[in-house]
Amino acid sequence: MGLRSWQYAVRESVVSIRRNGLMSLAAVSTIALALLILSIFLALAANLQHMAGYLESQVEIRAFLKGDTTVKVRDEARQAIAALPGVTSVTFVSRDEALKRLRQQFGEQQSVLDAVEEMNPLPDGFEIKVDKPENVDGVAAAVGKIPGIEKVKYQQGLVQRLFRLTQAIRTLGILLATALALATLFIISNTIRLTVFARRREVAIMKLVGATDAFIRRPFFLEGLVLGLGGALVAALAIWLGYSWLAKTISISLPFVPLVPRQPFLANLSLTLLTLGAIIGAGGTILSLRRYLKV
């Protein structure tokens, strides 16, 4: 009996979608558009988070060695820095390498450094990276106490402003995603409610002739599931193609802009959209039916 009732439900849901073609198309289009807008903002929020993390990862501590530091003291200082809690990498930068980098920064004006080529006043030093931004202050203070280290530099004021900026970016991303998610739920649930409202008389007649609530729900459940998945599939396809094109274009024209890699981000986002579409489509239909089953 159960199998037959589900077969009937499948058949009726297919017939209903065909019979109410315009309403079904409107529902799928609305769901697709709402989920597409949500996915765009989710992609934006994810990239804001990614950029914030990238900016924080670029924060470095620079420790400069004393001019008369021996190789032994330099190596001991490097080992001591690497052993500090929170330190992820220590890179030695010789004075010659530092001058080379400075020339690159000057670009076409690097000829102004020719006068200091032989005397090279730049010191040897280390570039230090930490695991968490909040550990920068503590690591910098500890590095300054290590023998052989003359000066520690990490632009404390700039770092603090950067951390405030990245925190604001994260908060904005979360707020945008939450607001759009709620708006999407509201739009889709009302769309599903309208499709059920248009067939309220059909539900009332079935109820009056003795059909059980479960029997009435099944076709509507499957119909809502199909409409939700259909809209989600359109949205997932659109965001997949759009984000892939945008990421490729930006990587060519603005290669220095850090974007969230397409994979597994797009796969996870598409799965999220399909799950949302299925849950909202099927669940919204069942909830909307409740009032019309009370005959």
C-alpha atoms as a PDB file:
ATOM      1  CA  MET A   1       0.000   0.000   0.000  1.00  0.00           C
ATOM      2  CA  GLY A   2       2.835   2.347   0.880  1.00  0.00           C
ATOM      3  CA  LEU A   3       4.645   1.745  -2.401  1.00  0.00           C
ATOM      4  CA  ARG A   4       1.455   2.315  -4.404  1.00  0.00           C
ATOM      5  CA  SER A   5       0.714   5.535  -2.583  1.00  0.00           C
ATOM      6  CA  TRP A   6       4.224   6.825  -3.330  1.00  0.00           C
ATOM      7  CA  GLN A   7       3.853   5.811  -6.970  1.00  0.00           C
ATOM      8  CA  TYR A   8       0.620   7.755  -7.063  1.00  0.00           C
ATOM      9  CA  ALA A   9       2.326  10.709  -5.375  1.00  0.00           C
ATOM     10  CA  VAL A  10       5.124  10.732  -7.970  1.00  0.00           C
ATOM     11  CA  ARG A  11       2.643  10.525 -10.835  1.00  0.00           C
ATOM     12  CA  GLU A  12       0.448  13.273  -9.394  1.00  0.00           C
ATOM     13  CA  SER A  13       3.383  15.592  -8.699  1.00  0.00           C
ATOM     14  CA  VAL A  14       4.595  15.269 -12.307  1.00  0.00           C
ATOM     15  CA  VAL A  15       1.090  15.885 -13.650  1.00  0.00           C
ATOM     16  CA  SER A  16       0.627  18.858 -11.337  1.00  0.00           C
ATOM     17  CA  ILE A  17       3.916  20.483 -12.410  1.00  0.00           C
ATOM     18  CA  ARG A  18       2.902  20.110 -16.066  1.00  0.00           C
ATOM     19  CA  ARG A  19      -0.675  21.262 -15.494  1.00  0.00           C
ATOM     20  CA  ASN A  20       0.432  24.315 -13.524  1.00  0.00           C
ATOM     21  CA  GLY A  21       3.336  25.037 -15.833  1.00  0.00           C
ATOM     22  CA  LEU A  22       3.275  28.813 -15.466  1.00  0.00           C
ATOM     23  CA  MET A  23       3.045  28.672 -11.675  1.00  0.00           C
ATOM     24  CA  SER A  24       5.792  26.038 -11.542  1.00  0.00           C
ATOM     25  CA  LEU A  25       8.047  28.132 -13.787  1.00  0.00           C
ATOM     26  CA  ALA A  26       7.422  31.189 -11.616  1.00  0.00           C
ATOM     27  CA  ALA A  27       8.276  29.213  -8.473  1.00  0.00           C
ATOM     28  CA  VAL A  28      11.493  27.781  -9.959  1.00  0.00           C
ATOM     29  CA  SER A  29      12.526  31.212 -11.283  1.00  0.00           C
ATOM     30  CA  THR A  30      11.889  32.903  -7.932  1.00  0.00           C
ATOM     31  CA  ILE A  31      13.783  30.212  -6.024  1.00  0.00           C
ATOM     32  CA  ALA A  32      16.658  30.352  -8.524  1.00  0.00           C
ATOM     33  CA  LEU A  33      16.898  34.139  -8.360  1.00  0.00           C
ATOM     34  CA  ALA A  34      16.708  34.234  -4.555  1.00  0.00           C
ATOM     35  CA  LEU A  35      19.355  31.517  -4.157  1.00  0.00           C
ATOM     36  CA  LEU A  36      21.552  33.118  -6.816  1.00  0.00           C
ATOM     37  CA  ILE A  37      21.522  36.435  -4.957  1.00  0.00           C
ATOM     38  CA  LEU A  38      22.283  34.581  -1.735  1.00  0.00           C
ATOM     39  CA  SER A  39      25.142  32.673  -3.373  1.00  0.00           C
ATOM     40  CA  ILE A  40      26.632  35.901  -4.760  1.00  0.00           C
ATOM     41  CA  PHE A  41      26.689  37.418  -1.290  1.00  0.00           C
ATOM     42  CA  LEU A  42      28.049  34.190   0.189  1.00  0.00           C
ATOM     43  CA  ALA A  43      30.845  34.284  -2.388  1.00  0.00           C
ATOM     44  CA  LEU A  44      31.475  37.937  -1.537  1.00  0.00           C
ATOM     45  CA  ALA A  45      31.519  37.202   2.193  1.00  0.00           C
ATOM     46  CA  ALA A  46      33.866  34.229   1.674  1.00  0.00           C
ATOM     47  CA  ASN A  47      36.273  36.365  -0.360  1.00  0.00           C
ATOM     48  CA  LEU A  48      36.175  39.145   2.224  1.00  0.00           C
ATOM     49  CA  GLN A  49      37.099  36.573   4.860  1.00  0.00           C
ATOM     50  CA  HIS A  50      39.825  35.166   2.612  1.00  0.00           C
ATOM     51  CA  MET A  51      41.289  38.603   1.922  1.00  0.00           C
ATOM     52  CA  ALA A  52      41.241  39.436   5.627  1.00  0.00           C
ATOM     53  CA  GLY A  53      43.131  36.239   6.396  1.00  0.00           C
ATOM     54  CA  TYR A  54      45.588  36.954   3.591  1.00  0.00           C
ATOM     55  CA  LEU A  55      46.293  40.453   4.883  1.00  0.00           C
ATOM     56  CA  GLU A  56      46.894  39.094   8.370  1.00  0.00           C
ATOM     57  CA  SER A  57      49.214  36.398   7.026  1.00  0.00           C
ATOM     58  CA  GLN A  58      51.368  39.080   5.384  1.00  0.00           C
ATOM     59  CA  VAL A  59      52.195  40.693   8.722  1.00  0.00           C
ATOM     60  CA  GLU A  60      55.881  40.080   9.419  1.00  0.00           C
ATOM     61  CA  ILE A  61      58.266  40.862  12.210  1.00  0.00           C
ATOM     62  CA  ARG A  62      61.677  42.030  11.103  1.00  0.00           C
ATOM     63  CA  ALA A  63      64.573  41.568  13.481  1.00  0.00           C
ATOM     64  CA  PHE A  64      67.897  43.239  12.628  1.00  0.00           C
ATOM     65  CA  LEU A  65      71.250  41.863  13.803  1.00  0.00           C
ATOM     66  CA  LYS A  66      74.040  43.897  15.306  1.00  0.00           C
ATOM     67  CA  GLY A  67      76.799  44.830  12.905  1.00  0.00           C
ATOM     68  CA  ASP A  68      79.482  42.757  14.645  1.00  0.00           C
ATOM     69  CA  THR A  69      77.373  39.615  15.050  1.00  0.00           C
ATOM     70  CA  THR A  70      79.242  36.400  14.323  1.00  0.00           C
ATOM     71  CA  VAL A  71      77.832  33.501  12.328  1.00  0.00           C
ATOM     72  CA  LYS A  72      77.589  31.460  15.514  1.00  0.00           C
ATOM     73  CA  VAL A  73      75.569  34.126  17.329  1.00  0.00           C
ATOM     74  CA  ARG A  74      73.391  34.572  14.222  1.00  0.00           C
ATOM     75  CA  ASP A  75      72.599  30.865  14.071  1.00  0.00           C
ATOM     76  CA  GLU A  76      71.878  30.739  17.793  1.00  0.00           C
ATOM     77  CA  ALA A  77      69.553  33.727  17.445  1.00  0.00           C
ATOM     78  CA  ARG A  78      67.741  32.027  14.589  1.00  0.00           C
ATOM     79  CA  GLN A  79      67.261  28.851  16.628  1.00  0.00           C
ATOM     80  CA  ALA A  80      66.025  30.856  19.604  1.00  0.00           C
ATOM     81  CA  ILE A  81      63.487  32.723  17.463  1.00  0.00           C
ATOM     82  CA  ALA A  82      62.245  29.526  15.837  1.00  0.00           C
ATOM     83  CA  ALA A  83      61.694  28.003  19.275  1.00  0.00           C
ATOM     84  CA  LEU A  84      59.401  30.818  20.420  1.00  0.00           C
ATOM     85  CA  PRO A  85      55.699  29.865  20.816  1.00  0.00           C
ATOM     86  CA  GLY A  86      53.650  31.017  17.824  1.00  0.00           C
ATOM     87  CA  VAL A  87      56.555  31.386  15.372  1.00  0.00           C
ATOM     88  CA  THR A  88      55.890  29.521  12.107  1.00  0.00           C
ATOM     89  CA  SER A  89      58.907  30.536  10.007  1.00  0.00           C
ATOM     90  CA  VAL A  90      62.212  32.381  10.321  1.00  0.00           C
ATOM     91  CA  THR A  91      63.986  33.522   7.147  1.00  0.00           C
ATOM     92  CA  PHE A  92      67.474  34.985   7.175  1.00  0.00           C
ATOM     93  CA  VAL A  93      67.868  38.033   4.910  1.00  0.00           C
ATOM     94  CA  SER A  94      71.450  39.108   4.273  1.00  0.00           C
ATOM     95  CA  ARG A  95      72.377  42.736   3.809  1.00  0.00           C
ATOM     96  CA  ASP A  96      73.038  42.089   0.114  1.00  0.00           C
ATOM     97  CA  GLU A  97      69.594  40.525  -0.331  1.00  0.00           C
ATOM     98  CA  ALA A  98      68.039  43.451   1.534  1.00  0.00           C
ATOM     99  CA  LEU A  99      69.715  45.918  -0.842  1.00  0.00           C
ATOM    100  CA  LYS A 100      68.557  43.901  -3.845  1.00  0.00           C
ATOM    101  CA  ARG A 101      64.955  44.022  -2.600  1.00  0.00           C
ATOM    102  CA  LEU A 102      65.265  47.749  -1.973  1.00  0.00           C
ATOM    103  CA  ARG A 103      66.393  48.266  -5.559  1.00  0.00           C
ATOM    104  CA  GLN A 104      63.342  46.382  -6.802  1.00  0.00           C
ATOM    105  CA  GLN A 105      61.082  48.608  -4.701  1.00  0.00           C
ATOM    106  CA  PHE A 106      62.642  51.739  -6.197  1.00  0.00           C
ATOM    107  CA  GLY A 107      61.956  50.448  -9.708  1.00  0.00           C
ATOM    108  CA  GLU A 108      63.122  52.912 -12.342  1.00  0.00           C
ATOM    109  CA  GLN A 109      64.610  55.155  -9.638  1.00  0.00           C
ATOM    110  CA  GLN A 110      66.990  52.473  -8.329  1.00  0.00           C
ATOM    111  CA  SER A 111      69.985  54.381  -9.702  1.00  0.00           C
ATOM    112  CA  VAL A 112      69.820  56.579  -6.568  1.00  0.00           C
ATOM    113  CA  LEU A 113      71.188  53.572  -4.641  1.00  0.00           C
ATOM    114  CA  ASP A 114      74.341  53.302  -6.717  1.00  0.00           C
ATOM    115  CA  ALA A 115      76.184  55.544  -4.271  1.00  0.00           C
ATOM    116  CA  VAL A 116      75.677  53.089  -1.395  1.00  0.00           C
ATOM    117  CA  GLU A 117      76.354  49.956  -3.444  1.00  0.00           C
ATOM    118  CA  GLU A 118      79.828  49.405  -2.011  1.00  0.00           C
ATOM    119  CA  MET A 119      79.264  50.482   1.619  1.00  0.00           C
ATOM    120  CA  ASN A 120      75.732  49.003   1.907  1.00  0.00           C
ATOM    121  CA  PRO A 121      74.476  50.320   5.280  1.00  0.00           C
ATOM    122  CA  LEU A 122      71.668  47.786   5.519  1.00  0.00           C
ATOM    123  CA  PRO A 123      72.024  45.178   8.311  1.00  0.00           C
ATOM    124  CA  ASP A 124      71.524  41.430   8.221  1.00  0.00           C
ATOM    125  CA  GLY A 125      68.257  40.304   9.728  1.00  0.00           C
ATOM    126  CA  PHE A 126      65.396  37.848   9.984  1.00  0.00           C
ATOM    127  CA  GLU A 127      61.863  37.854   8.634  1.00  0.00           C
ATOM    128  CA  ILE A 128      59.570  36.201  11.156  1.00  0.00           C
ATOM    129  CA  LYS A 129      56.005  34.985  10.684  1.00  0.00           C
ATOM    130  CA  VAL A 130      53.618  33.939  13.442  1.00  0.00           C
ATOM    131  CA  ASP A 131      50.618  31.630  13.472  1.00  0.00           C
ATOM    132  CA  LYS A 132      48.075  34.120  14.828  1.00  0.00           C
ATOM    133  CA  PRO A 133      47.926  37.920  14.425  1.00  0.00           C
ATOM    134  CA  GLU A 134      47.357  38.423  18.139  1.00  0.00           C
ATOM    135  CA  ASN A 135      50.747  36.814  18.857  1.00  0.00           C
ATOM    136  CA  VAL A 136      52.724  39.487  16.995  1.00  0.00           C
ATOM    137  CA  ASP A 137      53.229  41.785  19.997  1.00  0.00           C
ATOM    138  CA  GLY A 138      54.403  38.999  22.310  1.00  0.00           C
ATOM    139  CA  VAL A 139      56.772  37.443  19.778  1.00  0.00           C
ATOM    140  CA  ALA A 140      58.251  40.838  18.866  1.00  0.00           C
ATOM    141  CA  ALA A 141      58.958  41.587  22.527  1.00  0.00           C
ATOM    142  CA  ALA A 142      60.603  38.188  23.037  1.00  0.00           C
ATOM    143  CA  VAL A 143      62.735  38.504  19.891  1.00  0.00           C
ATOM    144  CA  GLY A 144      64.062  41.874  21.073  1.00  0.00           C
ATOM    145  CA  LYS A 145      65.576  40.195  24.162  1.00  0.00           C
ATOM    146  CA  ILE A 146      67.560  37.577  22.208  1.00  0.00           C
ATOM    147  CA  PRO A 147      71.354  38.143  22.140  1.00  0.00           C
ATOM    148  CA  GLY A 148      72.595  39.542  18.840  1.00  0.00           C
ATOM    149  CA  ILE A 149      69.319  41.272  17.975  1.00  0.00           C
ATOM    150  CA  GLU A 150      69.702  45.044  17.804  1.00  0.00           C
ATOM    151  CA  LYS A 151      66.259  46.159  16.654  1.00  0.00           C
ATOM    152  CA  VAL A 152      62.820  44.699  16.058  1.00  0.00           C
ATOM    153  CA  LYS A 153      60.378  46.317  13.669  1.00  0.00           C
ATOM    154  CA  TYR A 154      56.797  45.418  12.788  1.00  0.00           C
ATOM    155  CA  GLN A 155      54.908  48.719  12.516  1.00  0.00           C
ATOM    156  CA  GLN A 156      52.741  48.235  15.585  1.00  0.00           C
ATOM    157  CA  GLY A 157      50.262  51.023  14.757  1.00  0.00           C
ATOM    158  CA  LEU A 158      49.713  49.776  11.219  1.00  0.00           C
ATOM    159  CA  VAL A 159      49.284  46.196  12.414  1.00  0.00           C
ATOM    160  CA  GLN A 160      46.638  47.194  14.960  1.00  0.00           C
ATOM    161  CA  ARG A 161      44.707  49.183  12.345  1.00  0.00           C
ATOM    162  CA  LEU A 162      44.969  46.243   9.949  1.00  0.00           C
ATOM    163  CA  PHE A 163      43.553  43.858  12.542  1.00  0.00           C
ATOM    164  CA  ARG A 164      40.648  46.225  13.213  1.00  0.00           C
ATOM    165  CA  LEU A 165      40.001  46.431   9.472  1.00  0.00           C
ATOM    166  CA  THR A 166      40.054  42.660   8.985  1.00  0.00           C
ATOM    167  CA  GLN A 167      37.730  42.188  11.961  1.00  0.00           C
ATOM    168  CA  ALA A 168      35.321  44.714  10.463  1.00  0.00           C
ATOM    169  CA  ILE A 169      35.498  42.887   7.121  1.00  0.00           C
ATOM    170  CA  ARG A 170      34.678  39.573   8.805  1.00  0.00           C
ATOM    171  CA  THR A 171      31.771  41.085  10.727  1.00  0.00           C
ATOM    172  CA  LEU A 172      30.397  42.723   7.570  1.00  0.00           C
ATOM    173  CA  GLY A 173      30.627  39.437   5.676  1.00  0.00           C
ATOM    174  CA  ILE A 174      28.746  37.535   8.387  1.00  0.00           C
ATOM    175  CA  LEU A 175      26.033  40.208   8.629  1.00  0.00           C
ATOM    176  CA  LEU A 176      25.550  40.321   4.850  1.00  0.00           C
ATOM    177  CA  ALA A 177      25.323  36.538   4.563  1.00  0.00           C
ATOM    178  CA  THR A 178      22.889  36.264   7.490  1.00  0.00           C
ATOM    179  CA  ALA A 179      20.625  39.053   6.223  1.00  0.00           C
ATOM    180  CA  LEU A 180      20.511  37.621   2.706  1.00  0.00           C
ATOM    181  CA  ALA A 181      19.883  34.108   4.017  1.00  0.00           C
ATOM    182  CA  LEU A 182      16.863  35.302   6.012  1.00  0.00           C
ATOM    183  CA  ALA A 183      15.559  37.309   3.059  1.00  0.00           C
ATOM    184  CA  THR A 184      15.971  34.299   0.777  1.00  0.00           C
ATOM    185  CA  LEU A 185      14.071  32.051   3.194  1.00  0.00           C
ATOM    186  CA  PHE A 186      11.251  34.598   3.375  1.00  0.00           C
ATOM    187  CA  ILE A 187      10.971  35.005  -0.410  1.00  0.00           C
ATOM    188  CA  ILE A 188      11.050  31.286  -1.173  1.00  0.00           C
ATOM    189  CA  SER A 189       8.646  30.320   1.607  1.00  0.00           C
ATOM    190  CA  ASN A 190       6.133  32.883   0.366  1.00  0.00           C
ATOM    191  CA  THR A 191       6.520  31.625  -3.193  1.00  0.00           C
ATOM    192  CA  ILE A 192       5.794  28.067  -2.057  1.00  0.00           C
ATOM    193  CA  ARG A 193       2.843  29.330  -0.011  1.00  0.00           C
ATOM    194  CA  LEU A 194       1.363  30.952  -3.119  1.00  0.00           C
ATOM    195  CA  THR A 195       1.593  27.710  -5.101  1.00  0.00           C
ATOM    196  CA  VAL A 196      -0.213  25.849  -2.330  1.00  0.00           C
ATOM    197  CA  PHE A 197      -2.819  28.626  -1.972  1.00  0.00           C
ATOM    198  CA  ALA A 198      -3.672  28.348  -5.678  1.00  0.00           C
ATOM    199  CA  ARG A 199      -4.661  24.701  -5.104  1.00  0.00           C
ATOM    200  CA  ARG A 200      -6.443  25.054  -1.768  1.00  0.00           C
ATOM    201  CA  ARG A 201      -9.777  23.899  -3.226  1.00  0.00           C
ATOM    202  CA  GLU A 202      -8.160  20.728  -4.530  1.00  0.00           C
ATOM    203  CA  VAL A 203      -6.844  20.005  -1.047  1.00  0.00           C
ATOM    204  CA  ALA A 204     -10.247  20.681   0.536  1.00  0.00           C
ATOM    205  CA  ILE A 205     -12.035  18.331  -1.898  1.00  0.00           C
ATOM    206  CA  MET A 206      -9.526  15.538  -1.272  1.00  0.00           C
ATOM    207  CA  LYS A 207      -9.944  16.015   2.445  1.00  0.00           C
ATOM    208  CA  LEU A 208     -13.764  15.881   2.204  1.00  0.00           C
ATOM    209  CA  VAL A 209     -13.782  12.620   0.224  1.00  0.00           C
ATOM    210  CA  GLY A 210     -11.771  10.903   2.947  1.00  0.00           C
ATOM    211  CA  ALA A 211      -8.111  11.208   1.884  1.00  0.00           C
ATOM    212  CA  THR A 212      -5.680  11.102   4.790  1.00  0.00           C
ATOM    213  CA  ASP A 213      -3.360  13.996   5.537  1.00  0.00           C
ATOM    214  CA  ALA A 214      -0.305  11.886   4.655  1.00  0.00           C
ATOM    215  CA  PHE A 215      -1.855  10.880   1.312  1.00  0.00           C
ATOM    216  CA  ILE A 216      -2.532  14.539   0.455  1.00  0.00           C
ATOM    217  CA  ARG A 217       0.912  15.709   1.557  1.00  0.00           C
ATOM    218  CA  ARG A 218       2.972  13.294  -0.539  1.00  0.00           C
ATOM    219  CA  PRO A 219       2.362  14.811  -3.996  1.00  0.00           C
ATOM    220  CA  PHE A 220       2.821  18.314  -2.644  1.00  0.00           C
ATOM    221  CA  PHE A 221       5.977  17.243  -0.811  1.00  0.00           C
ATOM    222  CA  LEU A 222       7.499  15.800  -3.986  1.00  0.00           C
ATOM    223  CA  GLU A 223       6.377  18.774  -6.051  1.00  0.00           C
ATOM    224  CA  GLY A 224       7.949  21.220  -3.615  1.00  0.00           C
ATOM    225  CA  LEU A 225      11.111  19.109  -3.540  1.00  0.00           C
ATOM    226  CA  VAL A 226      11.376  19.159  -7.354  1.00  0.00           C
ATOM    227  CA  LEU A 227      10.696  22.907  -7.586  1.00  0.00           C
ATOM    228  CA  GLY A 228      13.222  23.663  -4.849  1.00  0.00           C
ATOM    229  CA  LEU A 229      15.909  21.470  -6.390  1.00  0.00           C
ATOM    230  CA  GLY A 230      15.183  22.887  -9.852  1.00  0.00           C
ATOM    231  CA  GLY A 231      15.633  26.465  -8.689  1.00  0.00           C
ATOM    232  CA  ALA A 232      18.733  25.549  -6.682  1.00  0.00           C
ATOM    233  CA  LEU A 233      20.246  23.753  -9.669  1.00  0.00           C
ATOM    234  CA  VAL A 234      19.786  26.820 -11.882  1.00  0.00           C
ATOM    235  CA  ALA A 235      21.345  29.051  -9.200  1.00  0.00           C
ATOM    236  CA  ALA A 236      24.264  26.638  -8.662  1.00  0.00           C
ATOM    237  CA  LEU A 237      24.979  26.458 -12.390  1.00  0.00           C
ATOM    238  CA  ALA A 238      24.848  30.250 -12.723  1.00  0.00           C
ATOM    239  CA  ILE A 239      27.172  30.924  -9.785  1.00  0.00           C
ATOM    240  CA  TRP A 240      29.561  28.163 -10.936  1.00  0.00           C
ATOM    241  CA  LEU A 241      29.916  29.644 -14.419  1.00  0.00           C
ATOM    242  CA  GLY A 242      29.951  33.250 -13.190  1.00  0.00           C
ATOM    243  CA  TYR A 243      32.512  32.745 -10.433  1.00  0.00           C
ATOM    244  CA  SER A 244      34.769  30.645 -12.683  1.00  0.00           C
ATOM    245  CA  TRP A 245      34.760  33.379 -15.325  1.00  0.00           C
ATOM    246  CA  LEU A 246      35.338  36.137 -12.759  1.00  0.00           C
ATOM    247  CA  ALA A 247      38.165  34.281 -11.006  1.00  0.00           C
ATOM    248  CA  LYS A 248      39.894  33.601 -14.327  1.00  0.00           C
ATOM    249  CA  THR A 249      39.528  37.231 -15.447  1.00  0.00           C
ATOM    250  CA  ILE A 250      40.849  38.633 -12.158  1.00  0.00           C
ATOM    251  CA  SER A 251      43.779  36.195 -12.091  1.00  0.00           C
ATOM    252  CA  ILE A 252      44.866  37.565 -15.478  1.00  0.00           C
ATOM    253  CA  SER A 253      44.233  41.290 -14.992  1.00  0.00           C
ATOM    254  CA  LEU A 254      44.779  41.586 -11.212  1.00  0.00           C
ATOM    255  CA  PRO A 255      46.954  38.617 -10.186  1.00  0.00           C
ATOM    256  CA  PHE A 256      47.835  40.224  -6.837  1.00  0.00           C
ATOM    257  CA  VAL A 257      44.193  40.116  -5.624  1.00  0.00           C
ATOM    258  CA  PRO A 258      43.716  36.996  -3.451  1.00  0.00           C
ATOM    259  CA  LEU A 259      40.478  35.145  -4.267  1.00  0.00           C
ATOM    260  CA  VAL A 260      39.046  31.998  -2.737  1.00  0.00           C
ATOM    261  CA  PRO A 261      40.157  29.076  -4.977  1.00  0.00           C
ATOM    262  CA  ARG A 262      37.341  27.763  -7.179  1.00  0.00           C
ATOM    263  CA  GLN A 263      37.655  24.277  -5.743  1.00  0.00           C
ATOM    264  CA  PRO A 264      36.419  23.090  -3.321  1.00  0.00           C
ATOM    265  CA  PHE A 265      34.576  26.401  -2.753  1.00  0.00           C
ATOM    266  CA  LEU A 266      32.197  26.094  -5.726  1.00  0.00           C
ATOM    267  CA  ALA A 267      31.445  22.429  -5.002  1.00  0.00           C
ATOM    268  CA  ASN A 268      30.608  23.206  -1.365  1.00  0.00           C
ATOM    269  CA  LEU A 269      28.539  26.253  -2.337  1.00  0.00           C
ATOM    270  CA  SER A 270      26.579  24.269  -4.940  1.00  0.00           C
ATOM    271  CA  LEU A 271      25.903  21.499  -2.419  1.00  0.00           C
ATOM    272  CA  THR A 272      24.691  24.107   0.071  1.00  0.00           C
ATOM    273  CA  LEU A 273      22.335  25.639  -2.498  1.00  0.00           C
ATOM    274  CA  LEU A 274      20.898  22.248  -3.472  1.00  0.00           C
ATOM    275  CA  THR A 275      20.369  21.342   0.173  1.00  0.00           C
ATOM    276  CA  LEU A 276      18.686  24.670   0.902  1.00  0.00           C
ATOM    277  CA  GLY A 277      16.501  24.370  -2.187  1.00  0.00           C
ATOM    278  CA  ALA A 278      15.369  20.867  -1.271  1.00  0.00           C
ATOM    279  CA  ILE A 279      14.686  21.684   2.385  1.00  0.00           C
ATOM    280  CA  ILE A 280      12.887  24.957   1.691  1.00  0.00           C
ATOM    281  CA  GLY A 281      10.906  23.558  -1.245  1.00  0.00           C
ATOM    282  CA  ALA A 282       9.703  20.414   0.515  1.00  0.00           C
ATOM    283  CA  GLY A 283       9.495  21.847   4.028  1.00  0.00           C
ATOM    284  CA  GLY A 284       7.787  25.041   2.920  1.00  0.00           C
ATOM    285  CA  THR A 285       5.137  23.065   1.079  1.00  0.00           C
ATOM    286  CA  ILE A 286       4.348  20.883   4.088  1.00  0.00           C
ATOM    287  CA  LEU A 287       4.126  23.886   6.413  1.00  0.00           C
ATOM    288  CA  SER A 288       1.912  25.781   3.980  1.00  0.00           C
ATOM    289  CA  LEU A 289      -0.457  22.795   3.684  1.00  0.00           C
ATOM    290  CA  ARG A 290      -1.188  22.639   7.395  1.00  0.00           C
ATOM    291  CA  ARG A 291      -3.926  25.272   7.432  1.00  0.00           C
ATOM    292  CA  TYR A 292      -5.734  23.797   4.413  1.00  0.00           C
ATOM    293  CA  LEU A 293      -5.806  20.289   5.898  1.00  0.00           C
ATOM    294  CA  LYS A 294      -8.039  21.533   8.705  1.00  0.00           C
ATOM    295  CA  VAL A 295     -11.415  20.969   7.016  1.00  0.00           C
END
